[in-house]
C-alpha atoms as a PDB file:
ATOM      1  CA  UNK A   1      -8.565  -2.580  15.173  1.00  0.00           C
ATOM      2  CA  UNK A   2     -11.731  -3.655  16.990  1.00  0.00           C
ATOM      3  CA  UNK A   3     -11.651  -7.072  15.360  1.00  0.00           C
ATOM      4  CA  UNK A   4      -7.970  -7.341  16.178  1.00  0.00           C
ATOM      5  CA  UNK A   5      -8.683  -6.916  19.868  1.00  0.00           C
ATOM      6  CA  UNK A   6     -11.775  -9.120  20.139  1.00  0.00           C
ATOM      7  CA  UNK A   7     -11.448 -11.473  17.183  1.00  0.00           C
ATOM      8  CA  UNK A   8     -14.055 -12.252  14.515  1.00  0.00           C
ATOM      9  CA  UNK A   9     -15.995 -14.705  16.686  1.00  0.00           C
ATOM     10  CA  UNK A  10     -16.839 -12.205  19.434  1.00  0.00           C
ATOM     11  CA  UNK A  11     -17.625  -9.310  17.126  1.00  0.00           C
ATOM     12  CA  UNK A  12     -19.956 -11.429  14.977  1.00  0.00           C
ATOM     13  CA  UNK A  13     -22.032 -12.390  18.007  1.00  0.00           C
ATOM     14  CA  UNK A  14     -21.945  -8.906  19.543  1.00  0.00           C
ATOM     15  CA  UNK A  15     -22.327  -6.340  16.737  1.00  0.00           C
ATOM     16  CA  UNK A  16     -23.167  -3.648  19.294  1.00  0.00           C
ATOM     17  CA  UNK A  17     -19.767  -4.197  20.859  1.00  0.00           C
ATOM     18  CA  UNK A  18     -18.077  -3.896  17.476  1.00  0.00           C
ATOM     19  CA  UNK A  19     -19.950  -0.651  16.772  1.00  0.00           C
ATOM     20  CA  UNK A  20     -18.914   0.738  20.163  1.00  0.00           C
ATOM     21  CA  UNK A  21     -15.288  -0.226  19.681  1.00  0.00           C
ATOM     22  CA  UNK A  22     -15.286   1.304  16.217  1.00  0.00           C
ATOM     23  CA  UNK A  23     -16.350   4.626  17.742  1.00  0.00           C
ATOM     24  CA  UNK A  24     -13.767   4.331  20.521  1.00  0.00           C
ATOM     25  CA  UNK A  25     -11.062   3.475  17.998  1.00  0.00           C
ATOM     26  CA  UNK A  26     -11.907   6.448  15.783  1.00  0.00           C
ATOM     27  CA  UNK A  27     -12.000   8.777  18.800  1.00  0.00           C
ATOM     28  CA  UNK A  28      -8.570   7.638  19.996  1.00  0.00           C
ATOM     29  CA  UNK A  29      -7.062   8.016  16.536  1.00  0.00           C
ATOM     30  CA  UNK A  30      -8.671  11.453  16.199  1.00  0.00           C
ATOM     31  CA  UNK A  31      -7.154  12.540  19.517  1.00  0.00           C
ATOM     32  CA  UNK A  32      -3.774  11.148  18.468  1.00  0.00           C
ATOM     33  CA  UNK A  33      -4.064  13.063  15.206  1.00  0.00           C
ATOM     34  CA  UNK A  34      -4.751  16.309  17.056  1.00  0.00           C
ATOM     35  CA  UNK A  35      -1.766  15.720  19.329  1.00  0.00           C
ATOM     36  CA  UNK A  36       0.512  14.848  16.399  1.00  0.00           C
ATOM     37  CA  UNK A  37      -0.575  17.967  14.518  1.00  0.00           C
ATOM     38  CA  UNK A  38       0.828  20.053  17.386  1.00  0.00           C
ATOM     39  CA  UNK A  39       4.203  18.335  17.071  1.00  0.00           C
ATOM     40  CA  UNK A  40       6.826  18.514  14.379  1.00  0.00           C
ATOM     41  CA  UNK A  41       6.577  15.777  11.708  1.00  0.00           C
ATOM     42  CA  UNK A  42       9.669  14.018  13.113  1.00  0.00           C
ATOM     43  CA  UNK A  43       8.429  14.083  16.708  1.00  0.00           C
ATOM     44  CA  UNK A  44       5.007  12.791  15.681  1.00  0.00           C
ATOM     45  CA  UNK A  45       6.598  10.026  13.617  1.00  0.00           C
ATOM     46  CA  UNK A  46       8.767   8.920  16.554  1.00  0.00           C
ATOM     47  CA  UNK A  47       5.798   8.943  18.935  1.00  0.00           C
ATOM     48  CA  UNK A  48       3.711   6.810  16.604  1.00  0.00           C
ATOM     49  CA  UNK A  49       6.585   4.370  16.154  1.00  0.00           C
ATOM     50  CA  UNK A  50       7.119   3.954  19.901  1.00  0.00           C
ATOM     51  CA  UNK A  51       3.435   3.423  20.657  1.00  0.00           C
ATOM     52  CA  UNK A  52       2.948   0.870  17.882  1.00  0.00           C
ATOM     53  CA  UNK A  53       6.185  -0.954  18.719  1.00  0.00           C
ATOM     54  CA  UNK A  54       4.921  -1.453  22.256  1.00  0.00           C
ATOM     55  CA  UNK A  55       1.291  -2.354  21.486  1.00  0.00           C
ATOM     56  CA  UNK A  56       1.394  -3.908  18.008  1.00  0.00           C
ATOM     57  CA  UNK A  57       3.197  -7.208  18.698  1.00  0.00           C
ATOM     58  CA  UNK A  58       0.451  -8.169  21.167  1.00  0.00           C
ATOM     59  CA  UNK A  59      -2.355  -7.760  18.607  1.00  0.00           C
ATOM     60  CA  UNK A  60      -3.876 -10.629  16.661  1.00  0.00           C
ATOM     61  CA  UNK A  61      -2.629  -9.227  13.328  1.00  0.00           C
ATOM     62  CA  UNK A  62       0.886 -10.144  14.403  1.00  0.00           C
ATOM     63  CA  UNK A  63      -0.031 -13.754  13.695  1.00  0.00           C
ATOM     64  CA  UNK A  64      -0.488 -12.924  10.007  1.00  0.00           C
ATOM     65  CA  UNK A  65       2.650 -10.793   9.928  1.00  0.00           C
ATOM     66  CA  UNK A  66       4.666 -13.714  11.270  1.00  0.00           C
ATOM     67  CA  UNK A  67       3.080 -16.103   8.803  1.00  0.00           C
ATOM     68  CA  UNK A  68       3.862 -13.859   5.834  1.00  0.00           C
ATOM     69  CA  UNK A  69       7.425 -13.370   7.052  1.00  0.00           C
ATOM     70  CA  UNK A  70       7.895 -17.121   7.469  1.00  0.00           C
ATOM     71  CA  UNK A  71       6.954 -17.666   3.815  1.00  0.00           C
ATOM     72  CA  UNK A  72       8.893 -14.683   2.455  1.00  0.00           C
ATOM     73  CA  UNK A  73      11.969 -15.057   4.702  1.00  0.00           C
ATOM     74  CA  UNK A  74      12.194 -18.689   5.868  1.00  0.00           C
ATOM     75  CA  UNK A  75      15.880 -18.228   6.696  1.00  0.00           C
ATOM     76  CA  UNK A  76      15.208 -15.829   9.596  1.00  0.00           C
ATOM     77  CA  UNK A  77      15.777 -17.036  13.142  1.00  0.00           C
ATOM     78  CA  UNK A  78      13.118 -16.632  15.840  1.00  0.00           C
ATOM     79  CA  UNK A  79      14.942 -13.636  17.335  1.00  0.00           C
ATOM     80  CA  UNK A  80      15.383 -12.000  13.923  1.00  0.00           C
ATOM     81  CA  UNK A  81      11.684 -12.488  13.186  1.00  0.00           C
ATOM     82  CA  UNK A  82      10.710 -10.974  16.543  1.00  0.00           C
ATOM     83  CA  UNK A  83      12.820  -7.894  15.872  1.00  0.00           C
ATOM     84  CA  UNK A  84      11.449  -7.553  12.347  1.00  0.00           C
ATOM     85  CA  UNK A  85       7.885  -7.755  13.667  1.00  0.00           C
ATOM     86  CA  UNK A  86       8.609  -4.932  16.115  1.00  0.00           C
ATOM     87  CA  UNK A  87      10.156  -2.827  13.359  1.00  0.00           C
ATOM     88  CA  UNK A  88       7.178  -3.403  11.063  1.00  0.00           C
ATOM     89  CA  UNK A  89       4.834  -2.201  13.785  1.00  0.00           C
ATOM     90  CA  UNK A  90       7.082   0.818  14.370  1.00  0.00           C
ATOM     91  CA  UNK A  91       6.794   1.817  10.728  1.00  0.00           C
ATOM     92  CA  UNK A  92       3.021   1.402  10.815  1.00  0.00           C
ATOM     93  CA  UNK A  93       2.836   3.606  13.896  1.00  0.00           C
ATOM     94  CA  UNK A  94       4.887   6.273  12.148  1.00  0.00           C
ATOM     95  CA  UNK A  95       2.545   6.187   9.156  1.00  0.00           C
ATOM     96  CA  UNK A  96      -0.517   6.812  11.331  1.00  0.00           C
ATOM     97  CA  UNK A  97       1.168   9.671  13.185  1.00  0.00           C
ATOM     98  CA  UNK A  98       2.361  11.265   9.938  1.00  0.00           C
ATOM     99  CA  UNK A  99      -1.113  11.692   8.411  1.00  0.00           C
ATOM    100  CA  UNK A 100      -1.599  15.226   9.832  1.00  0.00           C
ATOM    101  CA  UNK A 101       1.752  16.216   8.267  1.00  0.00           C
ATOM    102  CA  UNK A 102       1.469  14.629   4.813  1.00  0.00           C
ATOM    103  CA  UNK A 103       0.847  17.951   3.114  1.00  0.00           C
ATOM    104  CA  UNK A 104       4.039  19.384   4.619  1.00  0.00           C
ATOM    105  CA  UNK A 105       6.091  16.258   3.889  1.00  0.00           C
ATOM    106  CA  UNK A 106       4.970  16.117   0.248  1.00  0.00           C
ATOM    107  CA  UNK A 107       5.487  19.804  -0.528  1.00  0.00           C
ATOM    108  CA  UNK A 108       7.878  19.462  -3.470  1.00  0.00           C
ATOM    109  CA  UNK A 109       9.012  23.064  -2.962  1.00  0.00           C
ATOM    110  CA  UNK A 110      10.634  22.046   0.334  1.00  0.00           C
ATOM    111  CA  UNK A 111      13.447  19.619  -0.386  1.00  0.00           C
ATOM    112  CA  UNK A 112      14.372  18.873   3.239  1.00  0.00           C
ATOM    113  CA  UNK A 113      11.645  16.208   3.641  1.00  0.00           C
ATOM    114  CA  UNK A 114      11.254  14.734   0.191  1.00  0.00           C
ATOM    115  CA  UNK A 115      13.875  13.439  -2.210  1.00  0.00           C
ATOM    116  CA  UNK A 116      12.579  12.666  -5.715  1.00  0.00           C
ATOM    117  CA  UNK A 117      14.481  10.333  -8.030  1.00  0.00           C
ATOM    118  CA  UNK A 118      13.609   9.813 -11.702  1.00  0.00           C
ATOM    119  CA  UNK A 119      15.339   6.784 -13.206  1.00  0.00           C
ATOM    120  CA  UNK A 120      14.629   8.216 -16.649  1.00  0.00           C
ATOM    121  CA  UNK A 121      12.558  11.075 -18.155  1.00  0.00           C
ATOM    122  CA  UNK A 122       8.874  10.142 -18.065  1.00  0.00           C
ATOM    123  CA  UNK A 123       6.315  11.480 -20.523  1.00  0.00           C
ATOM    124  CA  UNK A 124       3.597  11.865 -17.924  1.00  0.00           C
ATOM    125  CA  UNK A 125       5.605  14.618 -16.197  1.00  0.00           C
ATOM    126  CA  UNK A 126       6.104  16.579 -19.443  1.00  0.00           C
ATOM    127  CA  UNK A 127       2.528  17.976 -19.312  1.00  0.00           C
ATOM    128  CA  UNK A 128       1.641  16.380 -22.655  1.00  0.00           C
ATOM    129  CA  UNK A 129      -1.776  15.289 -21.415  1.00  0.00           C
ATOM    130  CA  UNK A 130      -0.992  11.596 -21.777  1.00  0.00           C
ATOM    131  CA  UNK A 131      -1.791   9.666 -18.587  1.00  0.00           C
ATOM    132  CA  UNK A 132       0.123   6.863 -16.898  1.00  0.00           C
ATOM    133  CA  UNK A 133      -0.665   3.932 -14.635  1.00  0.00           C
ATOM    134  CA  UNK A 134       1.322   4.173 -11.388  1.00  0.00           C
ATOM    135  CA  UNK A 135       1.788   1.118  -9.161  1.00  0.00           C
ATOM    136  CA  UNK A 136       3.305   0.848  -5.717  1.00  0.00           C
ATOM    137  CA  UNK A 137       3.463  -1.460  -2.714  1.00  0.00           C
ATOM    138  CA  UNK A 138       2.661  -1.081   0.980  1.00  0.00           C
ATOM    139  CA  UNK A 139       6.177   0.077   1.810  1.00  0.00           C
ATOM    140  CA  UNK A 140       7.591   3.084   3.651  1.00  0.00           C
ATOM    141  CA  UNK A 141       4.618   5.413   3.746  1.00  0.00           C
ATOM    142  CA  UNK A 142       2.742   4.633   0.528  1.00  0.00           C
ATOM    143  CA  UNK A 143       0.517   7.718   0.837  1.00  0.00           C
ATOM    144  CA  UNK A 144       3.637   9.772   0.072  1.00  0.00           C
ATOM    145  CA  UNK A 145       3.853   8.354  -3.455  1.00  0.00           C
ATOM    146  CA  UNK A 146       0.406   9.469  -4.589  1.00  0.00           C
ATOM    147  CA  UNK A 147       0.741  12.865  -2.927  1.00  0.00           C
ATOM    148  CA  UNK A 148       4.107  13.437  -4.621  1.00  0.00           C
ATOM    149  CA  UNK A 149       2.634  12.661  -8.052  1.00  0.00           C
ATOM    150  CA  UNK A 150      -0.168  15.144  -7.445  1.00  0.00           C
ATOM    151  CA  UNK A 151       2.246  17.811  -6.170  1.00  0.00           C
ATOM    152  CA  UNK A 152       4.273  17.369  -9.373  1.00  0.00           C
ATOM    153  CA  UNK A 153       1.217  18.538 -11.318  1.00  0.00           C
ATOM    154  CA  UNK A 154      -0.121  15.199 -12.593  1.00  0.00           C
ATOM    155  CA  UNK A 155      -3.929  14.761 -12.282  1.00  0.00           C
ATOM    156  CA  UNK A 156      -4.317  11.495 -10.354  1.00  0.00           C
ATOM    157  CA  UNK A 157      -7.052   9.123  -9.240  1.00  0.00           C
ATOM    158  CA  UNK A 158      -6.088   6.415  -6.755  1.00  0.00           C
ATOM    159  CA  UNK A 159      -7.959   3.285  -5.747  1.00  0.00           C
ATOM    160  CA  UNK A 160      -8.389   2.430  -2.077  1.00  0.00           C
ATOM    161  CA  UNK A 161     -10.079  -0.290  -0.075  1.00  0.00           C
ATOM    162  CA  UNK A 162     -12.598   1.082   2.411  1.00  0.00           C
ATOM    163  CA  UNK A 163     -11.871   0.349   6.061  1.00  0.00           C
ATOM    164  CA  UNK A 164     -14.340  -1.820   7.946  1.00  0.00           C
ATOM    165  CA  UNK A 165     -14.663   0.910  10.547  1.00  0.00           C
ATOM    166  CA  UNK A 166     -16.766   3.610   8.811  1.00  0.00           C
ATOM    167  CA  UNK A 167     -15.674   6.276  11.307  1.00  0.00           C
ATOM    168  CA  UNK A 168     -12.000   5.551  10.634  1.00  0.00           C
ATOM    169  CA  UNK A 169     -12.710   5.516   6.910  1.00  0.00           C
ATOM    170  CA  UNK A 170     -14.100   9.062   7.123  1.00  0.00           C
ATOM    171  CA  UNK A 171     -11.054  10.240   9.071  1.00  0.00           C
ATOM    172  CA  UNK A 172      -8.757   8.746   6.447  1.00  0.00           C
ATOM    173  CA  UNK A 173     -10.742  10.345   3.628  1.00  0.00           C
ATOM    174  CA  UNK A 174     -10.451  13.747   5.306  1.00  0.00           C
ATOM    175  CA  UNK A 175      -6.678  13.333   5.628  1.00  0.00           C
ATOM    176  CA  UNK A 176      -6.365  12.425   1.942  1.00  0.00           C
ATOM    177  CA  UNK A 177      -8.571  15.263   0.720  1.00  0.00           C
ATOM    178  CA  UNK A 178      -5.778  17.758   1.325  1.00  0.00           C
ATOM    179  CA  UNK A 179      -3.215  15.848  -0.750  1.00  0.00           C
ATOM    180  CA  UNK A 180      -4.394  16.836  -4.223  1.00  0.00           C
ATOM    181  CA  UNK A 181      -5.576  13.541  -5.697  1.00  0.00           C
ATOM    182  CA  UNK A 182      -8.958  11.894  -6.061  1.00  0.00           C
ATOM    183  CA  UNK A 183      -9.621   8.587  -4.272  1.00  0.00           C
ATOM    184  CA  UNK A 184     -12.226   6.054  -5.396  1.00  0.00           C
ATOM    185  CA  UNK A 185     -13.312   2.938  -3.503  1.00  0.00           C
ATOM    186  CA  UNK A 186     -12.154  -0.351  -5.027  1.00  0.00           C
ATOM    187  CA  UNK A 187     -15.621  -1.892  -5.328  1.00  0.00           C
ATOM    188  CA  UNK A 188     -16.808   0.849  -7.683  1.00  0.00           C
ATOM    189  CA  UNK A 189     -13.504   1.773  -9.312  1.00  0.00           C
ATOM    190  CA  UNK A 190     -13.463  -0.134 -12.624  1.00  0.00           C
ATOM    191  CA  UNK A 191     -15.690   2.156 -14.685  1.00  0.00           C
ATOM    192  CA  UNK A 192     -14.259   5.268 -13.035  1.00  0.00           C
ATOM    193  CA  UNK A 193     -10.671   4.298 -13.903  1.00  0.00           C
ATOM    194  CA  UNK A 194     -11.566   3.743 -17.552  1.00  0.00           C
ATOM    195  CA  UNK A 195     -13.291   7.103 -17.720  1.00  0.00           C
ATOM    196  CA  UNK A 196     -10.433   8.913 -16.008  1.00  0.00           C
ATOM    197  CA  UNK A 197      -7.722   7.426 -18.235  1.00  0.00           C
ATOM    198  CA  UNK A 198      -9.786   8.184 -21.326  1.00  0.00           C
ATOM    199  CA  UNK A 199      -9.859  11.858 -20.310  1.00  0.00           C
ATOM    200  CA  UNK A 200      -6.140  12.078 -19.503  1.00  0.00           C
ATOM    201  CA  UNK A 201      -6.103  11.492 -15.749  1.00  0.00           C
ATOM    202  CA  UNK A 202      -3.475   9.090 -14.446  1.00  0.00           C
ATOM    203  CA  UNK A 203      -4.367   6.334 -11.984  1.00  0.00           C
ATOM    204  CA  UNK A 204      -2.539   4.920  -8.981  1.00  0.00           C
ATOM    205  CA  UNK A 205      -2.860   1.378  -7.658  1.00  0.00           C
ATOM    206  CA  UNK A 206      -1.519  -0.516  -4.637  1.00  0.00           C
ATOM    207  CA  UNK A 207      -1.117  -4.051  -5.941  1.00  0.00           C
ATOM    208  CA  UNK A 208       1.130  -6.032  -3.582  1.00  0.00           C
ATOM    209  CA  UNK A 209      -1.759  -7.664  -1.707  1.00  0.00           C
ATOM    210  CA  UNK A 210      -3.856 -10.703  -2.539  1.00  0.00           C
ATOM    211  CA  UNK A 211      -6.884 -10.052  -4.760  1.00  0.00           C
ATOM    212  CA  UNK A 212      -9.424 -12.877  -4.869  1.00  0.00           C
ATOM    213  CA  UNK A 213     -10.303 -12.099  -8.495  1.00  0.00           C
ATOM    214  CA  UNK A 214      -6.647 -11.968  -9.535  1.00  0.00           C
ATOM    215  CA  UNK A 215      -4.424 -14.417 -11.355  1.00  0.00           C
ATOM    216  CA  UNK A 216      -2.044 -16.784  -9.520  1.00  0.00           C
ATOM    217  CA  UNK A 217       1.355 -15.153  -9.950  1.00  0.00           C
ATOM    218  CA  UNK A 218       4.668 -15.952  -8.261  1.00  0.00           C
ATOM    219  CA  UNK A 219       5.557 -13.751  -5.300  1.00  0.00           C
ATOM    220  CA  UNK A 220       8.479 -14.837  -3.123  1.00  0.00           C
ATOM    221  CA  UNK A 221       8.443 -18.157  -4.947  1.00  0.00           C
ATOM    222  CA  UNK A 222       4.798 -18.939  -4.098  1.00  0.00           C
ATOM    223  CA  UNK A 223       1.696 -18.237  -6.150  1.00  0.00           C
ATOM    224  CA  UNK A 224      -0.379 -15.309  -4.934  1.00  0.00           C
ATOM    225  CA  UNK A 225      -3.665 -14.184  -6.453  1.00  0.00           C
ATOM    226  CA  UNK A 226      -2.496 -10.914  -7.983  1.00  0.00           C
ATOM    227  CA  UNK A 227      -4.389  -8.047  -9.613  1.00  0.00           C
ATOM    228  CA  UNK A 228      -3.786  -7.818 -13.365  1.00  0.00           C
ATOM    229  CA  UNK A 229      -5.582  -4.461 -13.597  1.00  0.00           C
ATOM    230  CA  UNK A 230      -2.414  -2.336 -14.002  1.00  0.00           C
ATOM    231  CA  UNK A 231      -1.214  -4.355 -16.989  1.00  0.00           C
ATOM    232  CA  UNK A 232      -4.682  -4.410 -18.555  1.00  0.00           C
ATOM    233  CA  UNK A 233      -5.085  -0.637 -18.259  1.00  0.00           C
ATOM    234  CA  UNK A 234      -1.584   0.158 -19.534  1.00  0.00           C
ATOM    235  CA  UNK A 235      -2.036  -2.030 -22.596  1.00  0.00           C
ATOM    236  CA  UNK A 236      -5.561  -0.820 -23.310  1.00  0.00           C
ATOM    237  CA  UNK A 237      -4.618   2.868 -23.205  1.00  0.00           C
ATOM    238  CA  UNK A 238      -1.068   2.426 -24.530  1.00  0.00           C
ATOM    239  CA  UNK A 239       0.401   4.320 -21.609  1.00  0.00           C
ATOM    240  CA  UNK A 240       3.381   3.873 -19.309  1.00  0.00           C
ATOM    241  CA  UNK A 241       3.098   1.585 -16.292  1.00  0.00           C
ATOM    242  CA  UNK A 242       5.361   3.271 -13.749  1.00  0.00           C
ATOM    243  CA  UNK A 243       6.451   1.683 -10.440  1.00  0.00           C
ATOM    244  CA  UNK A 244       6.759   4.166  -7.564  1.00  0.00           C
ATOM    245  CA  UNK A 245       8.999   3.219  -4.653  1.00  0.00           C
ATOM    246  CA  UNK A 246       8.731   5.030  -1.317  1.00  0.00           C
ATOM    247  CA  UNK A 247      11.618   4.643   1.131  1.00  0.00           C
ATOM    248  CA  UNK A 248      11.847   6.080   4.622  1.00  0.00           C
ATOM    249  CA  UNK A 249      15.142   7.914   5.116  1.00  0.00           C
ATOM    250  CA  UNK A 250      15.081   9.206   8.684  1.00  0.00           C
ATOM    251  CA  UNK A 251      12.063  10.176  10.735  1.00  0.00           C
ATOM    252  CA  UNK A 252       9.479  11.856   8.514  1.00  0.00           C
ATOM    253  CA  UNK A 253      11.821  12.113   5.528  1.00  0.00           C
ATOM    254  CA  UNK A 254      11.400  10.057   2.380  1.00  0.00           C
ATOM    255  CA  UNK A 255      12.811   9.180  -0.999  1.00  0.00           C
ATOM    256  CA  UNK A 256      10.306   8.671  -3.825  1.00  0.00           C
ATOM    257  CA  UNK A 257      11.770   6.854  -6.835  1.00  0.00           C
ATOM    258  CA  UNK A 258       9.956   6.721 -10.149  1.00  0.00           C
ATOM    259  CA  UNK A 259      11.295   3.611 -11.853  1.00  0.00           C
ATOM    260  CA  UNK A 260      11.423   3.068 -15.586  1.00  0.00           C
ATOM    261  CA  UNK A 261       8.115   1.784 -17.011  1.00  0.00           C
ATOM    262  CA  UNK A 262       7.438  -1.945 -16.841  1.00  0.00           C
ATOM    263  CA  UNK A 263       6.702  -3.644 -20.165  1.00  0.00           C
ATOM    264  CA  UNK A 264       6.192  -7.187 -21.381  1.00  0.00           C
ATOM    265  CA  UNK A 265       9.332  -9.171 -22.128  1.00  0.00           C
ATOM    266  CA  UNK A 266       7.885 -10.119 -25.524  1.00  0.00           C
ATOM    267  CA  UNK A 267       5.912  -7.297 -27.195  1.00  0.00           C
ATOM    268  CA  UNK A 268       4.746  -9.743 -29.861  1.00  0.00           C
ATOM    269  CA  UNK A 269       3.077 -12.080 -27.371  1.00  0.00           C
ATOM    270  CA  UNK A 270      -0.707 -12.252 -27.136  1.00  0.00           C
ATOM    271  CA  UNK A 271      -2.404  -9.620 -24.926  1.00  0.00           C
ATOM    272  CA  UNK A 272      -3.173 -12.275 -22.300  1.00  0.00           C
ATOM    273  CA  UNK A 273       0.455 -13.417 -22.244  1.00  0.00           C
ATOM    274  CA  UNK A 274       1.683  -9.833 -21.986  1.00  0.00           C
ATOM    275  CA  UNK A 275      -0.698  -9.109 -19.096  1.00  0.00           C
ATOM    276  CA  UNK A 276       0.514 -12.146 -17.148  1.00  0.00           C
ATOM    277  CA  UNK A 277       4.166 -11.341 -17.873  1.00  0.00           C
ATOM    278  CA  UNK A 278       3.828  -7.697 -16.833  1.00  0.00           C
ATOM    279  CA  UNK A 279       2.053  -8.749 -13.635  1.00  0.00           C
ATOM    280  CA  UNK A 280       4.895 -11.161 -12.843  1.00  0.00           C
ATOM    281  CA  UNK A 281       7.465  -8.436 -13.496  1.00  0.00           C
ATOM    282  CA  UNK A 282       5.648  -6.120 -11.075  1.00  0.00           C
ATOM    283  CA  UNK A 283       5.732  -8.803  -8.393  1.00  0.00           C
ATOM    284  CA  UNK A 284       9.433  -9.417  -8.992  1.00  0.00           C
ATOM    285  CA  UNK A 285      10.198  -5.723  -8.577  1.00  0.00           C
ATOM    286  CA  UNK A 286       8.106  -5.411  -5.423  1.00  0.00           C
ATOM    287  CA  UNK A 287       9.806  -8.486  -4.004  1.00  0.00           C
ATOM    288  CA  UNK A 288      13.216  -6.883  -4.527  1.00  0.00           C
ATOM    289  CA  UNK A 289      12.037  -3.744  -2.711  1.00  0.00           C
ATOM    290  CA  UNK A 290      10.717  -5.780   0.218  1.00  0.00           C
ATOM    291  CA  UNK A 291      13.897  -7.833   0.501  1.00  0.00           C
ATOM    292  CA  UNK A 292      15.867  -4.598   0.673  1.00  0.00           C
ATOM    293  CA  UNK A 293      13.666  -3.062   3.403  1.00  0.00           C
ATOM    294  CA  UNK A 294      11.466  -5.749   5.004  1.00  0.00           C
ATOM    295  CA  UNK A 295      10.902  -3.594   8.100  1.00  0.00           C
ATOM    296  CA  UNK A 296       8.961  -1.088   5.970  1.00  0.00           C
ATOM    297  CA  UNK A 297       6.555  -3.706   4.561  1.00  0.00           C
ATOM    298  CA  UNK A 298       2.964  -3.672   5.781  1.00  0.00           C
ATOM    299  CA  UNK A 299       2.152  -7.388   5.654  1.00  0.00           C
ATOM    300  CA  UNK A 300      -0.800  -7.546   8.035  1.00  0.00           C
ATOM    301  CA  UNK A 301      -3.064  -9.371   5.559  1.00  0.00           C
ATOM    302  CA  UNK A 302      -2.871 -12.901   4.233  1.00  0.00           C
ATOM    303  CA  UNK A 303      -0.931 -12.984   0.960  1.00  0.00           C
ATOM    304  CA  UNK A 304      -0.854 -16.708   0.330  1.00  0.00           C
ATOM    305  CA  UNK A 305      -3.231 -19.631   1.056  1.00  0.00           C
ATOM    306  CA  UNK A 306      -3.048 -21.522   4.323  1.00  0.00           C
ATOM    307  CA  UNK A 307      -0.953 -24.103   2.519  1.00  0.00           C
ATOM    308  CA  UNK A 308       1.095 -22.116  -0.042  1.00  0.00           C
ATOM    309  CA  UNK A 309       2.453 -25.326  -1.549  1.00  0.00           C
ATOM    310  CA  UNK A 310      -0.940 -26.480  -2.816  1.00  0.00           C
ATOM    311  CA  UNK A 311      -1.783 -26.314  -6.482  1.00  0.00           C
ATOM    312  CA  UNK A 312      -4.739 -24.604  -8.130  1.00  0.00           C
ATOM    313  CA  UNK A 313      -6.373 -21.641  -6.363  1.00  0.00           C
ATOM    314  CA  UNK A 314      -9.699 -23.522  -6.320  1.00  0.00           C
ATOM    315  CA  UNK A 315      -8.076 -25.955  -3.881  1.00  0.00           C
ATOM    316  CA  UNK A 316      -6.786 -23.307  -1.509  1.00  0.00           C
ATOM    317  CA  UNK A 317      -9.830 -23.189   0.710  1.00  0.00           C
ATOM    318  CA  UNK A 318     -11.206 -20.252   2.638  1.00  0.00           C
ATOM    319  CA  UNK A 319      -9.159 -17.088   2.963  1.00  0.00           C
ATOM    320  CA  UNK A 320      -8.906 -15.013   6.117  1.00  0.00           C
END
C-alpha cells in the first residue's frame, strides 16, 4: 500500500519513508482487524467493501486494474469499466475485513456460511492417503478455498508470495495460522512441495497471475507467462489436479466448488506437451470463471506485457 500511495520513485529515494509507511499501514490494518472482529462477519464484510470502494479507485493500482480489464474485456464502455473497478475494490475490501472471521466462515459444521459443491467424487477426500494438487484463482475470497480443504480433513500445504511490507506479512501469517493448513513462501517452495507430496500431503497453488519463469500460455486470447508447476507436480506424482472455485454469494457467505480433475487432452502426448496442454486448460477454466464474475477478480498486478500483441517473451521488455 505504501508504494501505491507514493509510487516506486519516491520510495526508492526515501527508504525511511517507506519503512514508516509500512508500519503505519500495518497499524491501520491491525486496528481495522480488531474492529472487524467485534462485528458479525457480514457487517465486517460490508464495512470493508464500503471503505475500499471509496478509497481504492484513487490508488495507483487502479491503473493496472483498468489495463487488465481493457485487455480481458475490450467491449466494456468507460462507464461499465468504472463500475467494474469500484466493484473489484469492494470485493478486495471485503476480503481484508473477513480475515478475522475466516475460521467461522470455513467451519464446515455450520452450513449457513459455506456451501460445498463436488462435481464428482474425489479420491483425495476418501482418506486414502493419496494427495492432490489443488489450483485456484484470485476470485471471491481465495483464502476460503484452502481453509475449506483443510476443514474437510485433507492435510494441505499452500504456496504464497510474501508481501513487501514485512509487518503486513506477519499479520497475514497470523491470520492464516488458525485455518488449519501450512503456508510456505514461493521462493523456497519447490523442494518443500516435492517432499510434502511424497509424504501424502496435498498442495494448493494460486496460478492465475504472471510468473516470470513460466511458459507463454493463452489467457483471454493473449499470451501470459504462466506457471506450469501444477501440471508438472500432478504428472510426476500421478495425482489429481483439482480446480477449486470460490464464489461470493451474499455478504460473508460463499460457495466452494471442487471441479473435476484437469487432465491432458492427449494422454499419449509427450510429458512436455501434456504439461503445456494442462496449463492451457487451467487458464481456459479460470477465464470462464472470471468472465462469469469479473467483479470478484483481483487483477491488481500486470498479467500481460506492455504490448500484449508482441511476439516472444524475450521481446516484451521490463515488467512492472
